[in-house]
Amino acid sequence: SGITDGDATRLRTVKTVREKSIKEIVAAAELNLSLERQAFDLI
């Protein structure tokens, strides 16, 4: 992934996204469903 131990420690100290519900995240991401399917079809 190209990150160092220091980077990993820094990332773990950042405010976690889990304060936002998984359902909210998935609902927002589904707006990009057509783009996702386009990428999937190309593959």
Full PDB file with SEQRES, HELIX, SHEET, SSBOND, CRYST1, ORIGX, SCALE, CONECT and MASTER records, all heavy atoms in Angstrom:
SEQRES   1 A   43  SER GLY ILE THR ASP GLY ASP ALA THR ARG LEU ARG THR          
SEQRES   2 A   43  VAL LYS THR VAL ARG GLU LYS SER ILE LYS GLU ILE VAL          
SEQRES   3 A   43  ALA ALA ALA GLU LEU ASN LEU SER LEU GLU ARG GLN ALA          
SEQRES   4 A   43  PHE ASP LEU ILE                                              
HELIX    1 AA1 ASP A    5  THR A   13  1                                   9    
HELIX    2 AA2 VAL A   17  GLU A   19  5                                   3    
HELIX    3 AA3 ILE A   22  ALA A   29  1                                   8    
HELIX    4 AA4 GLU A   30  ASN A   32  5                                   3    
HELIX    5 AA5 LEU A   33  LEU A   42  1                                  10    
CRYST1    1.000    1.000    1.000  90.00  90.00  90.00 P 1           1          
ORIGX1      1.000000  0.000000  0.000000        0.00000                         
ORIGX2      0.000000  1.000000  0.000000        0.00000                         
ORIGX3      0.000000  0.000000  1.000000        0.00000                         
SCALE1      1.000000  0.000000  0.000000        0.00000                         
SCALE2      0.000000  1.000000  0.000000        0.00000                         
SCALE3      0.000000  0.000000  1.000000        0.00000                         
ATOM      1  N   SER A   1       0.819  -1.204   0.000  1.00  0.00           N  
ATOM      2  CA  SER A   1       0.000   0.000   0.000  1.00  0.00           C  
ATOM      3  C   SER A   1       0.853   1.254   0.000  1.00  0.00           C  
ATOM      4  O   SER A   1       0.336   2.353  -0.121  1.00  0.00           O  
ATOM      5  CB  SER A   1      -0.905   0.019   1.239  1.00  0.00           C  
ATOM      6  OG  SER A   1      -1.772  -1.083   1.228  1.00  0.00           O  
ATOM      7  N   GLY A   2       2.156   1.103   0.184  1.00  0.00           N  
ATOM      8  CA  GLY A   2       3.065   2.233   0.120  1.00  0.00           C  
ATOM      9  C   GLY A   2       2.993   3.155   1.316  1.00  0.00           C  
ATOM     10  O   GLY A   2       3.240   4.347   1.200  1.00  0.00           O  
ATOM     11  N   ILE A   3       2.645   2.618   2.517  1.00  0.00           N  
ATOM     12  CA  ILE A   3       2.627   3.460   3.696  1.00  0.00           C  
ATOM     13  C   ILE A   3       3.598   2.927   4.727  1.00  0.00           C  
ATOM     14  O   ILE A   3       3.926   1.741   4.734  1.00  0.00           O  
ATOM     15  CB  ILE A   3       1.214   3.574   4.313  1.00  0.00           C  
ATOM     16  CG1 ILE A   3       0.744   2.201   4.828  1.00  0.00           C  
ATOM     17  CG2 ILE A   3       0.220   4.123   3.332  1.00  0.00           C  
ATOM     18  CD1 ILE A   3      -0.558   2.276   5.582  1.00  0.00           C  
ATOM     19  N   THR A   4       4.087   3.790   5.580  1.00  0.00           N  
ATOM     20  CA  THR A   4       5.048   3.400   6.606  1.00  0.00           C  
ATOM     21  C   THR A   4       4.337   3.172   7.920  1.00  0.00           C  
ATOM     22  O   THR A   4       3.155   3.487   8.074  1.00  0.00           O  
ATOM     23  CB  THR A   4       6.095   4.503   6.805  1.00  0.00           C  
ATOM     24  OG1 THR A   4       5.421   5.665   7.342  1.00  0.00           O  
ATOM     25  CG2 THR A   4       6.747   4.882   5.487  1.00  0.00           C  
ATOM     26  N   ASP A   5       5.060   2.636   8.895  1.00  0.00           N  
ATOM     27  CA  ASP A   5       4.467   2.437  10.218  1.00  0.00           C  
ATOM     28  C   ASP A   5       3.994   3.769  10.785  1.00  0.00           C  
ATOM     29  O   ASP A   5       2.959   3.851  11.445  1.00  0.00           O  
ATOM     30  CB  ASP A   5       5.488   1.802  11.165  1.00  0.00           C  
ATOM     31  CG  ASP A   5       5.772   0.351  10.782  1.00  0.00           C  
ATOM     32  OD1 ASP A   5       4.933  -0.248  10.093  1.00  0.00           O  
ATOM     33  OD2 ASP A   5       6.815  -0.163  11.185  1.00  0.00           O  
ATOM     34  N   GLY A   6       4.762   4.832  10.541  1.00  0.00           N  
ATOM     35  CA  GLY A   6       4.379   6.151  11.022  1.00  0.00           C  
ATOM     36  C   GLY A   6       3.072   6.624  10.407  1.00  0.00           C  
ATOM     37  O   GLY A   6       2.222   7.183  11.080  1.00  0.00           O  
ATOM     38  N   ASP A   7       2.922   6.353   9.099  1.00  0.00           N  
ATOM     39  CA  ASP A   7       1.681   6.732   8.416  1.00  0.00           C  
ATOM     40  C   ASP A   7       0.498   5.975   9.000  1.00  0.00           C  
ATOM     41  O   ASP A   7      -0.577   6.525   9.190  1.00  0.00           O  
ATOM     42  CB  ASP A   7       1.773   6.426   6.919  1.00  0.00           C  
ATOM     43  CG  ASP A   7       2.749   7.353   6.211  1.00  0.00           C  
ATOM     44  OD1 ASP A   7       2.837   8.516   6.613  1.00  0.00           O  
ATOM     45  OD2 ASP A   7       3.414   6.893   5.277  1.00  0.00           O  
ATOM     46  N   ALA A   8       0.720   4.678   9.270  1.00  0.00           N  
ATOM     47  CA  ALA A   8      -0.359   3.854   9.802  1.00  0.00           C  
ATOM     48  C   ALA A   8      -0.798   4.371  11.165  1.00  0.00           C  
ATOM     49  O   ALA A   8      -1.987   4.434  11.471  1.00  0.00           O  
ATOM     50  CB  ALA A   8       0.100   2.401   9.909  1.00  0.00           C  
ATOM     51  N   THR A   9       0.174   4.754  12.006  1.00  0.00           N  
ATOM     52  CA  THR A   9      -0.159   5.304  13.322  1.00  0.00           C  
ATOM     53  C   THR A   9      -0.934   6.601  13.185  1.00  0.00           C  
ATOM     54  O   THR A   9      -1.929   6.832  13.868  1.00  0.00           O  
ATOM     55  CB  THR A   9       1.130   5.563  14.125  1.00  0.00           C  
ATOM     56  OG1 THR A   9       1.836   4.332  14.281  1.00  0.00           O  
ATOM     57  CG2 THR A   9       0.795   6.133  15.508  1.00  0.00           C  
ATOM     58  N   ARG A  10      -0.521   7.468  12.245  1.00  0.00           N  
ATOM     59  CA  ARG A  10      -1.196   8.738  12.042  1.00  0.00           C  
ATOM     60  C   ARG A  10      -2.633   8.518  11.577  1.00  0.00           C  
ATOM     61  O   ARG A  10      -3.559   9.173  12.048  1.00  0.00           O  
ATOM     62  CB  ARG A  10      -0.437   9.570  11.006  1.00  0.00           C  
ATOM     63  CG  ARG A  10      -1.117  10.892  10.662  1.00  0.00           C  
ATOM     64  CD  ARG A  10      -0.287  11.659   9.649  1.00  0.00           C  
ATOM     65  NE  ARG A  10      -0.075  10.889   8.439  1.00  0.00           N  
ATOM     66  CZ  ARG A  10      -0.993  10.758   7.480  1.00  0.00           C  
ATOM     67  NH1 ARG A  10      -2.170  11.317   7.612  1.00  0.00           N  
ATOM     68  NH2 ARG A  10      -0.729  10.048   6.394  1.00  0.00           N  
ATOM     69  N   LEU A  11      -2.822   7.559  10.651  1.00  0.00           N  
ATOM     70  CA  LEU A  11      -4.163   7.316  10.140  1.00  0.00           C  
ATOM     71  C   LEU A  11      -5.091   6.822  11.234  1.00  0.00           C  
ATOM     72  O   LEU A  11      -6.264   7.168  11.275  1.00  0.00           O  
ATOM     73  CB  LEU A  11      -4.114   6.291   8.993  1.00  0.00           C  
ATOM     74  CG  LEU A  11      -3.484   6.778   7.692  1.00  0.00           C  
ATOM     75  CD1 LEU A  11      -3.398   5.635   6.704  1.00  0.00           C  
ATOM     76  CD2 LEU A  11      -4.286   7.920   7.101  1.00  0.00           C  
ATOM     77  N   ARG A  12      -4.554   6.018  12.143  1.00  0.00           N  
ATOM     78  CA  ARG A  12      -5.404   5.467  13.190  1.00  0.00           C  
ATOM     79  C   ARG A  12      -5.821   6.524  14.212  1.00  0.00           C  
ATOM     80  O   ARG A  12      -6.755   6.321  14.975  1.00  0.00           O  
ATOM     81  CB  ARG A  12      -4.684   4.303  13.890  1.00  0.00           C  
ATOM     82  CG  ARG A  12      -4.742   3.007  13.092  1.00  0.00           C  
ATOM     83  CD  ARG A  12      -4.293   1.833  13.942  1.00  0.00           C  
ATOM     84  NE  ARG A  12      -2.856   1.813  14.125  1.00  0.00           N  
ATOM     85  CZ  ARG A  12      -2.016   1.190  13.310  1.00  0.00           C  
ATOM     86  NH1 ARG A  12      -2.473   0.559  12.250  1.00  0.00           N  
ATOM     87  NH2 ARG A  12      -0.724   1.190  13.536  1.00  0.00           N  
ATOM     88  N   THR A  13      -5.114   7.661  14.259  1.00  0.00           N  
ATOM     89  CA  THR A  13      -5.471   8.708  15.200  1.00  0.00           C  
ATOM     90  C   THR A  13      -6.493   9.683  14.628  1.00  0.00           C  
ATOM     91  O   THR A  13      -7.019  10.524  15.332  1.00  0.00           O  
ATOM     92  CB  THR A  13      -4.222   9.518  15.621  1.00  0.00           C  
ATOM     93  OG1 THR A  13      -3.668  10.167  14.479  1.00  0.00           O  
ATOM     94  CG2 THR A  13      -3.180   8.607  16.246  1.00  0.00           C  
ATOM     95  N   VAL A  14      -6.766   9.583  13.321  1.00  0.00           N  
ATOM     96  CA  VAL A  14      -7.748  10.462  12.706  1.00  0.00           C  
ATOM     97  C   VAL A  14      -9.152  10.069  13.165  1.00  0.00           C  
ATOM     98  O   VAL A  14      -9.443   8.906  13.409  1.00  0.00           O  
ATOM     99  CB  VAL A  14      -7.659  10.368  11.164  1.00  0.00           C  
ATOM    100  CG1 VAL A  14      -8.724  11.247  10.520  1.00  0.00           C  
ATOM    101  CG2 VAL A  14      -6.281  10.782  10.701  1.00  0.00           C  
ATOM    102  N   LYS A  15     -10.023  11.072  13.297  1.00  0.00           N  
ATOM    103  CA  LYS A  15     -11.402  10.821  13.713  1.00  0.00           C  
ATOM    104  C   LYS A  15     -12.048   9.770  12.816  1.00  0.00           C  
ATOM    105  O   LYS A  15     -12.024   9.876  11.603  1.00  0.00           O  
ATOM    106  CB  LYS A  15     -12.196  12.126  13.631  1.00  0.00           C  
ATOM    107  CG  LYS A  15     -13.579  12.058  14.257  1.00  0.00           C  
ATOM    108  CD  LYS A  15     -14.218  13.443  14.210  1.00  0.00           C  
ATOM    109  CE  LYS A  15     -15.588  13.440  14.843  1.00  0.00           C  
ATOM    110  NZ  LYS A  15     -16.210  14.777  14.780  1.00  0.00           N  
ATOM    111  N   THR A  16     -12.598   8.742  13.402  1.00  0.00           N  
ATOM    112  CA  THR A  16     -13.104   7.612  12.631  1.00  0.00           C  
ATOM    113  C   THR A  16     -14.439   7.921  11.966  1.00  0.00           C  
ATOM    114  O   THR A  16     -15.273   8.646  12.499  1.00  0.00           O  
ATOM    115  CB  THR A  16     -13.263   6.369  13.516  1.00  0.00           C  
ATOM    116  OG1 THR A  16     -13.856   5.317  12.739  1.00  0.00           O  
ATOM    117  CG2 THR A  16     -14.158   6.642  14.708  1.00  0.00           C  
ATOM    118  N   VAL A  17     -14.619   7.336  10.792  1.00  0.00           N  
ATOM    119  CA  VAL A  17     -15.859   7.532  10.046  1.00  0.00           C  
ATOM    120  C   VAL A  17     -17.018   6.778  10.673  1.00  0.00           C  
ATOM    121  O   VAL A  17     -18.164   6.979  10.317  1.00  0.00           O  
ATOM    122  CB  VAL A  17     -15.662   7.084   8.584  1.00  0.00           C  
ATOM    123  CG1 VAL A  17     -15.676   5.570   8.479  1.00  0.00           C  
ATOM    124  CG2 VAL A  17     -16.747   7.665   7.689  1.00  0.00           C  
ATOM    125  N   ARG A  18     -16.733   5.916  11.633  1.00  0.00           N  
ATOM    126  CA  ARG A  18     -17.814   5.134  12.217  1.00  0.00           C  
ATOM    127  C   ARG A  18     -18.808   5.984  13.012  1.00  0.00           C  
ATOM    128  O   ARG A  18     -19.837   5.501  13.446  1.00  0.00           O  
ATOM    129  CB  ARG A  18     -17.239   4.010  13.095  1.00  0.00           C  
ATOM    130  CG  ARG A  18     -16.672   2.870  12.263  1.00  0.00           C  
ATOM    131  CD  ARG A  18     -16.643   1.566  13.052  1.00  0.00           C  
ATOM    132  NE  ARG A  18     -16.269   0.474  12.187  1.00  0.00           N  
ATOM    133  CZ  ARG A  18     -15.029   0.123  11.907  1.00  0.00           C  
ATOM    134  NH1 ARG A  18     -14.041   0.788  12.441  1.00  0.00           N  
ATOM    135  NH2 ARG A  18     -14.755  -0.888  11.105  1.00  0.00           N  
ATOM    136  N   GLU A  19     -18.480   7.274  13.243  1.00  0.00           N  
ATOM    137  CA  GLU A  19     -19.439   8.156  13.876  1.00  0.00           C  
ATOM    138  C   GLU A  19     -20.607   8.434  12.939  1.00  0.00           C  
ATOM    139  O   GLU A  19     -21.652   8.923  13.349  1.00  0.00           O  
ATOM    140  CB  GLU A  19     -18.772   9.469  14.293  1.00  0.00           C  
ATOM    141  CG  GLU A  19     -17.759   9.278  15.416  1.00  0.00           C  
ATOM    142  CD  GLU A  19     -17.156  10.585  15.869  1.00  0.00           C  
ATOM    143  OE1 GLU A  19     -17.581  11.636  15.351  1.00  0.00           O  
ATOM    144  OE2 GLU A  19     -16.260  10.555  16.715  1.00  0.00           O  
ATOM    145  N   LYS A  20     -20.393   8.157  11.661  1.00  0.00           N  
ATOM    146  CA  LYS A  20     -21.465   8.257  10.680  1.00  0.00           C  
ATOM    147  C   LYS A  20     -21.940   6.842  10.409  1.00  0.00           C  
ATOM    148  O   LYS A  20     -21.131   5.942  10.220  1.00  0.00           O  
ATOM    149  CB  LYS A  20     -20.919   8.895   9.397  1.00  0.00           C  
ATOM    150  CG  LYS A  20     -21.971   9.212   8.355  1.00  0.00           C  
ATOM    151  CD  LYS A  20     -21.328   9.933   7.174  1.00  0.00           C  
ATOM    152  CE  LYS A  20     -22.350  10.311   6.133  1.00  0.00           C  
ATOM    153  NZ  LYS A  20     -21.730  10.993   4.976  1.00  0.00           N  
ATOM    154  N   SER A  21     -23.241   6.612  10.407  1.00  0.00           N  
ATOM    155  CA  SER A  21     -23.742   5.247  10.286  1.00  0.00           C  
ATOM    156  C   SER A  21     -23.377   4.637   8.944  1.00  0.00           C  
ATOM    157  O   SER A  21     -23.301   5.329   7.921  1.00  0.00           O  
ATOM    158  CB  SER A  21     -25.260   5.218  10.467  1.00  0.00           C  
ATOM    159  OG  SER A  21     -25.904   5.694   9.313  1.00  0.00           O  
ATOM    160  N   ILE A  22     -23.139   3.358   8.958  1.00  0.00           N  
ATOM    161  CA  ILE A  22     -22.826   2.622   7.737  1.00  0.00           C  
ATOM    162  C   ILE A  22     -23.966   2.759   6.729  1.00  0.00           C  
ATOM    163  O   ILE A  22     -23.747   2.894   5.529  1.00  0.00           O  
ATOM    164  CB  ILE A  22     -22.567   1.129   8.050  1.00  0.00           C  
ATOM    165  CG1 ILE A  22     -21.339   0.977   8.958  1.00  0.00           C  
ATOM    166  CG2 ILE A  22     -22.373   0.347   6.765  1.00  0.00           C  
ATOM    167  CD1 ILE A  22     -20.057   1.489   8.360  1.00  0.00           C  
ATOM    168  N   LYS A  23     -25.195   2.773   7.208  1.00  0.00           N  
ATOM    169  CA  LYS A  23     -26.346   2.906   6.310  1.00  0.00           C  
ATOM    170  C   LYS A  23     -26.311   4.229   5.562  1.00  0.00           C  
ATOM    171  O   LYS A  23     -26.628   4.290   4.370  1.00  0.00           O  
ATOM    172  CB  LYS A  23     -27.647   2.776   7.104  1.00  0.00           C  
ATOM    173  CG  LYS A  23     -27.957   1.358   7.572  1.00  0.00           C  
ATOM    174  CD  LYS A  23     -29.309   1.293   8.250  1.00  0.00           C  
ATOM    175  CE  LYS A  23     -29.637  -0.140   8.667  1.00  0.00           C  
ATOM    176  NZ  LYS A  23     -30.959  -0.231   9.334  1.00  0.00           N  
ATOM    177  N   GLU A  24     -25.910   5.302   6.259  1.00  0.00           N  
ATOM    178  CA  GLU A  24     -25.820   6.617   5.613  1.00  0.00           C  
ATOM    179  C   GLU A  24     -24.759   6.619   4.530  1.00  0.00           C  
ATOM    180  O   GLU A  24     -24.948   7.164   3.443  1.00  0.00           O  
ATOM    181  CB  GLU A  24     -25.496   7.691   6.646  1.00  0.00           C  
ATOM    182  CG  GLU A  24     -26.642   8.066   7.556  1.00  0.00           C  
ATOM    183  CD  GLU A  24     -26.238   9.143   8.539  1.00  0.00           C  
ATOM    184  OE1 GLU A  24     -25.329   8.893   9.357  1.00  0.00           O  
ATOM    185  OE2 GLU A  24     -26.817  10.232   8.481  1.00  0.00           O  
ATOM    186  N   ILE A  25     -23.623   5.992   4.830  1.00  0.00           N  
ATOM    187  CA  ILE A  25     -22.515   5.948   3.883  1.00  0.00           C  
ATOM    188  C   ILE A  25     -22.916   5.157   2.639  1.00  0.00           C  
ATOM    189  O   ILE A  25     -22.691   5.581   1.509  1.00  0.00           O  
ATOM    190  CB  ILE A  25     -21.269   5.309   4.527  1.00  0.00           C  
ATOM    191  CG1 ILE A  25     -20.768   6.201   5.668  1.00  0.00           C  
ATOM    192  CG2 ILE A  25     -20.164   5.103   3.497  1.00  0.00           C  
ATOM    193  CD1 ILE A  25     -19.680   5.554   6.494  1.00  0.00           C  
ATOM    194  N   VAL A  26     -23.528   3.989   2.863  1.00  0.00           N  
ATOM    195  CA  VAL A  26     -23.933   3.140   1.744  1.00  0.00           C  
ATOM    196  C   VAL A  26     -24.999   3.841   0.897  1.00  0.00           C  
ATOM    197  O   VAL A  26     -24.957   3.801  -0.331  1.00  0.00           O  
ATOM    198  CB  VAL A  26     -24.436   1.773   2.255  1.00  0.00           C  
ATOM    199  CG1 VAL A  26     -25.040   0.971   1.108  1.00  0.00           C  
ATOM    200  CG2 VAL A  26     -23.301   0.996   2.907  1.00  0.00           C  
ATOM    201  N   ALA A  27     -25.939   4.521   1.552  1.00  0.00           N  
ATOM    202  CA  ALA A  27     -26.998   5.225   0.822  1.00  0.00           C  
ATOM    203  C   ALA A  27     -26.413   6.308  -0.072  1.00  0.00           C  
ATOM    204  O   ALA A  27     -26.816   6.466  -1.232  1.00  0.00           O  
ATOM    205  CB  ALA A  27     -27.986   5.834   1.801  1.00  0.00           C  
ATOM    206  N   ALA A  28     -25.440   7.064   0.447  1.00  0.00           N  
ATOM    207  CA  ALA A  28     -24.817   8.123  -0.346  1.00  0.00           C  
ATOM    208  C   ALA A  28     -24.027   7.527  -1.502  1.00  0.00           C  
ATOM    209  O   ALA A  28     -24.050   8.047  -2.626  1.00  0.00           O  
ATOM    210  CB  ALA A  28     -23.898   8.956   0.544  1.00  0.00           C  
ATOM    211  N   ALA A  29     -23.331   6.434  -1.245  1.00  0.00           N  
ATOM    212  CA  ALA A  29     -22.498   5.823  -2.276  1.00  0.00           C  
ATOM    213  C   ALA A  29     -23.334   5.234  -3.400  1.00  0.00           C  
ATOM    214  O   ALA A  29     -22.879   5.158  -4.544  1.00  0.00           O  
ATOM    215  CB  ALA A  29     -21.620   4.732  -1.664  1.00  0.00           C  
ATOM    216  N   GLU A  30     -24.556   4.824  -3.104  1.00  0.00           N  
ATOM    217  CA  GLU A  30     -25.405   4.210  -4.128  1.00  0.00           C  
ATOM    218  C   GLU A  30     -25.786   5.200  -5.224  1.00  0.00           C  
ATOM    219  O   GLU A  30     -26.241   4.797  -6.292  1.00  0.00           O  
ATOM    220  CB  GLU A  30     -26.645   3.607  -3.471  1.00  0.00           C  
ATOM    221  CG  GLU A  30     -26.326   2.300  -2.748  1.00  0.00           C  
ATOM    222  CD  GLU A  30     -27.532   1.691  -2.063  1.00  0.00           C  
ATOM    223  OE1 GLU A  30     -28.557   2.408  -1.928  1.00  0.00           O  
ATOM    224  OE2 GLU A  30     -27.456   0.524  -1.661  1.00  0.00           O  
ATOM    225  N   LEU A  31     -25.591   6.493  -4.961  1.00  0.00           N  
ATOM    226  CA  LEU A  31     -25.831   7.492  -6.005  1.00  0.00           C  
ATOM    227  C   LEU A  31     -24.855   7.295  -7.164  1.00  0.00           C  
ATOM    228  O   LEU A  31     -25.107   7.711  -8.290  1.00  0.00           O  
ATOM    229  CB  LEU A  31     -25.676   8.902  -5.427  1.00  0.00           C  
ATOM    230  CG  LEU A  31     -26.698   9.316  -4.374  1.00  0.00           C  
ATOM    231  CD1 LEU A  31     -26.347  10.687  -3.808  1.00  0.00           C  
ATOM    232  CD2 LEU A  31     -28.108   9.315  -4.960  1.00  0.00           C  
ATOM    233  N   ASN A  32     -23.724   6.653  -6.868  1.00  0.00           N  
ATOM    234  CA  ASN A  32     -22.710   6.415  -7.893  1.00  0.00           C  
ATOM    235  C   ASN A  32     -22.815   5.010  -8.490  1.00  0.00           C  
ATOM    236  O   ASN A  32     -21.873   4.534  -9.125  1.00  0.00           O  
ATOM    237  CB  ASN A  32     -21.313   6.608  -7.292  1.00  0.00           C  
ATOM    238  CG  ASN A  32     -21.098   8.030  -6.813  1.00  0.00           C  
ATOM    239  OD1 ASN A  32     -21.452   8.977  -7.494  1.00  0.00           O  
ATOM    240  ND2 ASN A  32     -20.523   8.173  -5.631  1.00  0.00           N  
ATOM    241  N   LEU A  33     -23.958   4.376  -8.288  1.00  0.00           N  
ATOM    242  CA  LEU A  33     -24.134   3.000  -8.747  1.00  0.00           C  
ATOM    243  C   LEU A  33     -23.887   2.840 -10.241  1.00  0.00           C  
ATOM    244  O   LEU A  33     -23.278   1.872 -10.682  1.00  0.00           O  
ATOM    245  CB  LEU A  33     -25.542   2.506  -8.396  1.00  0.00           C  
ATOM    246  CG  LEU A  33     -25.873   1.058  -8.803  1.00  0.00           C  
ATOM    247  CD1 LEU A  33     -24.926   0.083  -8.120  1.00  0.00           C  
ATOM    248  CD2 LEU A  33     -27.326   0.734  -8.441  1.00  0.00           C  
ATOM    249  N   SER A  34     -24.363   3.800 -11.048  1.00  0.00           N  
ATOM    250  CA  SER A  34     -24.187   3.681 -12.494  1.00  0.00           C  
ATOM    251  C   SER A  34     -22.711   3.722 -12.876  1.00  0.00           C  
ATOM    252  O   SER A  34     -22.278   2.999 -13.782  1.00  0.00           O  
ATOM    253  CB  SER A  34     -24.945   4.795 -13.220  1.00  0.00           C  
ATOM    254  OG  SER A  34     -24.442   6.064 -12.855  1.00  0.00           O  
ATOM    255  N   LEU A  35     -21.921   4.532 -12.171  1.00  0.00           N  
ATOM    256  CA  LEU A  35     -20.484   4.584 -12.435  1.00  0.00           C  
ATOM    257  C   LEU A  35     -19.817   3.272 -12.036  1.00  0.00           C  
ATOM    258  O   LEU A  35     -18.926   2.768 -12.736  1.00  0.00           O  
ATOM    259  CB  LEU A  35     -19.841   5.744 -11.664  1.00  0.00           C  
ATOM    260  CG  LEU A  35     -20.267   7.160 -12.049  1.00  0.00           C  
ATOM    261  CD1 LEU A  35     -19.602   8.173 -11.132  1.00  0.00           C  
ATOM    262  CD2 LEU A  35     -19.919   7.447 -13.503  1.00  0.00           C  
ATOM    263  N   GLU A  36     -20.247   2.726 -10.921  1.00  0.00           N  
ATOM    264  CA  GLU A  36     -19.689   1.459 -10.453  1.00  0.00           C  
ATOM    265  C   GLU A  36     -19.965   0.341 -11.456  1.00  0.00           C  
ATOM    266  O   GLU A  36     -19.074  -0.458 -11.781  1.00  0.00           O  
ATOM    267  CB  GLU A  36     -20.287   1.111  -9.083  1.00  0.00           C  
ATOM    268  CG  GLU A  36     -19.910   2.089  -7.988  1.00  0.00           C  
ATOM    269  CD  GLU A  36     -20.745   1.949  -6.738  1.00  0.00           C  
ATOM    270  OE1 GLU A  36     -21.672   1.098  -6.721  1.00  0.00           O  
ATOM    271  OE2 GLU A  36     -20.484   2.700  -5.774  1.00  0.00           O  
ATOM    272  N   ARG A  37     -21.186   0.301 -11.949  1.00  0.00           N  
ATOM    273  CA  ARG A  37     -21.541  -0.736 -12.923  1.00  0.00           C  
ATOM    274  C   ARG A  37     -20.799  -0.532 -14.240  1.00  0.00           C  
ATOM    275  O   ARG A  37     -20.458  -1.496 -14.921  1.00  0.00           O  
ATOM    276  CB  ARG A  37     -23.058  -0.747 -13.150  1.00  0.00           C  
ATOM    277  CG  ARG A  37     -23.838  -1.300 -11.964  1.00  0.00           C  
ATOM    278  CD  ARG A  37     -23.397  -2.701 -11.585  1.00  0.00           C  
ATOM    279  NE  ARG A  37     -24.210  -3.274 -10.541  1.00  0.00           N  
ATOM    280  CZ  ARG A  37     -24.957  -4.366 -10.676  1.00  0.00           C  
ATOM    281  NH1 ARG A  37     -24.992  -5.004 -11.837  1.00  0.00           N  
ATOM    282  NH2 ARG A  37     -25.650  -4.835  -9.655  1.00  0.00           N  
ATOM    283  N   GLN A  38     -20.571   0.725 -14.603  1.00  0.00           N  
ATOM    284  CA  GLN A  38     -19.808   1.004 -15.813  1.00  0.00           C  
ATOM    285  C   GLN A  38     -18.392   0.445 -15.687  1.00  0.00           C  
ATOM    286  O   GLN A  38     -17.887  -0.208 -16.610  1.00  0.00           O  
ATOM    287  CB  GLN A  38     -19.740   2.511 -16.062  1.00  0.00           C  
ATOM    288  CG  GLN A  38     -18.936   2.899 -17.302  1.00  0.00           C  
ATOM    289  CD  GLN A  38     -18.736   4.398 -17.429  1.00  0.00           C  
ATOM    290  OE1 GLN A  38     -19.394   5.183 -16.746  1.00  0.00           O  
ATOM    291  NE2 GLN A  38     -17.827   4.816 -18.290  1.00  0.00           N  
ATOM    292  N   ALA A  39     -17.763   0.680 -14.544  1.00  0.00           N  
ATOM    293  CA  ALA A  39     -16.412   0.153 -14.310  1.00  0.00           C  
ATOM    294  C   ALA A  39     -16.422  -1.366 -14.315  1.00  0.00           C  
ATOM    295  O   ALA A  39     -15.541  -2.012 -14.906  1.00  0.00           O  
ATOM    296  CB  ALA A  39     -15.872   0.675 -12.977  1.00  0.00           C  
ATOM    297  N   PHE A  40     -17.431  -1.946 -13.674  1.00  0.00           N  
ATOM    298  CA  PHE A  40     -17.541  -3.405 -13.598  1.00  0.00           C  
ATOM    299  C   PHE A  40     -17.691  -4.014 -14.989  1.00  0.00           C  
ATOM    300  O   PHE A  40     -17.046  -5.020 -15.313  1.00  0.00           O  
ATOM    301  CB  PHE A  40     -18.737  -3.773 -12.717  1.00  0.00           C  
ATOM    302  CG  PHE A  40     -18.837  -5.226 -12.376  1.00  0.00           C  
ATOM    303  CD1 PHE A  40     -18.004  -5.781 -11.410  1.00  0.00           C  
ATOM    304  CD2 PHE A  40     -19.777  -6.035 -12.993  1.00  0.00           C  
ATOM    305  CE1 PHE A  40     -18.093  -7.129 -11.080  1.00  0.00           C  
ATOM    306  CE2 PHE A  40     -19.881  -7.376 -12.669  1.00  0.00           C  
ATOM    307  CZ  PHE A  40     -19.037  -7.932 -11.709  1.00  0.00           C  
ATOM    308  N   ASP A  41     -18.521  -3.396 -15.825  1.00  0.00           N  
ATOM    309  CA  ASP A  41     -18.732  -3.892 -17.187  1.00  0.00           C  
ATOM    310  C   ASP A  41     -17.442  -3.794 -18.015  1.00  0.00           C  
ATOM    311  O   ASP A  41     -17.140  -4.698 -18.804  1.00  0.00           O  
ATOM    312  CB  ASP A  41     -19.849  -3.112 -17.873  1.00  0.00           C  
ATOM    313  CG  ASP A  41     -21.225  -3.421 -17.297  1.00  0.00           C  
ATOM    314  OD1 ASP A  41     -21.354  -4.451 -16.599  1.00  0.00           O  
ATOM    315  OD2 ASP A  41     -22.165  -2.633 -17.528  1.00  0.00           O  
ATOM    316  N   LEU A  42     -16.700  -2.702 -17.835  1.00  0.00           N  
ATOM    317  CA  LEU A  42     -15.437  -2.551 -18.570  1.00  0.00           C  
ATOM    318  C   LEU A  42     -14.449  -3.650 -18.194  1.00  0.00           C  
ATOM    319  O   LEU A  42     -13.719  -4.171 -19.047  1.00  0.00           O  
ATOM    320  CB  LEU A  42     -14.823  -1.183 -18.281  1.00  0.00           C  
ATOM    321  CG  LEU A  42     -15.522   0.026 -18.918  1.00  0.00           C  
ATOM    322  CD1 LEU A  42     -14.899   1.324 -18.406  1.00  0.00           C  
ATOM    323  CD2 LEU A  42     -15.418  -0.037 -20.442  1.00  0.00           C  
ATOM    324  N   ILE A  43     -14.432  -4.014 -16.923  1.00  0.00           N  
ATOM    325  CA  ILE A  43     -13.524  -5.071 -16.467  1.00  0.00           C  
ATOM    326  C   ILE A  43     -13.943  -6.418 -17.035  1.00  0.00           C  
ATOM    327  O   ILE A  43     -13.107  -7.208 -17.505  1.00  0.00           O  
ATOM    328  CB  ILE A  43     -13.484  -5.095 -14.927  1.00  0.00           C  
ATOM    329  CG1 ILE A  43     -12.764  -3.843 -14.422  1.00  0.00           C  
ATOM    330  CG2 ILE A  43     -12.790  -6.354 -14.415  1.00  0.00           C  
ATOM    331  CD1 ILE A  43     -12.975  -3.561 -12.961  1.00  0.00           C  
TER     332      ILE A  43                                                      
MASTER        0    0    0    5    0    0    0    6  331    1    0    4          
END                                                                             
